[in-house]
Amino acid sequence: MGSGSPLRFIRSGIDRIDDSFVVLLALRQRLVRAAMRTKDETGMPRRDPGREIEVRERARRLAARLDLDAVGVDRLMAGVIGIARQAQGLPSDADQGEALASAPIIASMTELTPIRDRSANDRWRWLPPPKRLAPFLKLLPQRLQCRVLDTLVAHALAKPIADGSLDVMFDRRLGLEVPDLGLRWVFLFRDGRMHAGDGPADATVRGGATDLLLLASRLEDADTLFFQRRLVLTGDTELGLTARNLLDRLDWADLPLGLRIVLNHAARIAQSARDGHRRRIAASTTTGNTP
């Protein structure tokens, strides 16, 4: 086949389109990181499931108009979203094109910038693990803890309480245990308020302090944490799932800005400290020293 064959020119055009695709993906990643910085500054969660769905649905509609396979385009966009999540330091969902994201062209895009700023992560490596704080927290009276929680929860759940979304939780007791801090509370919705206290619970959510902070700040989603057994639900499963669904529907923007910022920064600090502690343990194990 001659060097000037039609196939050669066709393939050359395909190569140019592929190159353009990679360039556009690089530009998209830069915009993703810009959006991430804006979210961090305003205390918004990095992940926005509604936005991810919107992106994929728009791509499917465009694919249909262009007579493309909508399923194939959706898989492509799932991979693109997966890469965007990695660039923000978020885990990829199983349904977000992990196989596609592992392809050489797309995987190389994750190297455009480091997923995490190591110097920022190391900033909080001196903080002790939560279990070392447990003895000090035990000095705080349970009544004082509950008063603080009552105030925080009242602000956080003001809208769902007002619109009746929490009525399904009436007179049900939902426990929250933080074993590494030695803390436990039971939440009861009654008289138009969520009350924190102690005693038996109909259902209990148990998890580490860092993972619960990541969940509260929307930096991690409940499905991932439960699937990885970083959170555990015991007792009345239906009650636990109802509470989780209610919290999932809670609009992050409805929380007071100050609370959003505090949760976001606290979660990042806790995650940074945990990562640093794990690196020290790994290094000590490698060298044969005790951490």
Foldseek 3Di string as FASTA:
>chain_A
DDPPDPVNVVVVVVVVVVVVVLVVLLVVLVVLVVVLVVCLVQLAASDDVVVLVVVLVVQLVVCVVVVHDSVVSSLVSLLSVCLSCQLCVAHRDPSSNPVVCPDPSNVVSNVPDPSDDLVVLQPLQPDDALLVQQVVVVVDDQVVVQVVVQVQVCQQCVVCLVVVVCVVQAQAWEKEEAVSNRDIWIWHQYPSGIGIDDDDHQKYKYAHPLVVLCPVLVNYDPVVCVVVVRIDMDHDVVSVVSVSVSVVPRDPVSHPSVVSNVSSVVNSSNVSNVVSVVVVCVVCVVVVHDD
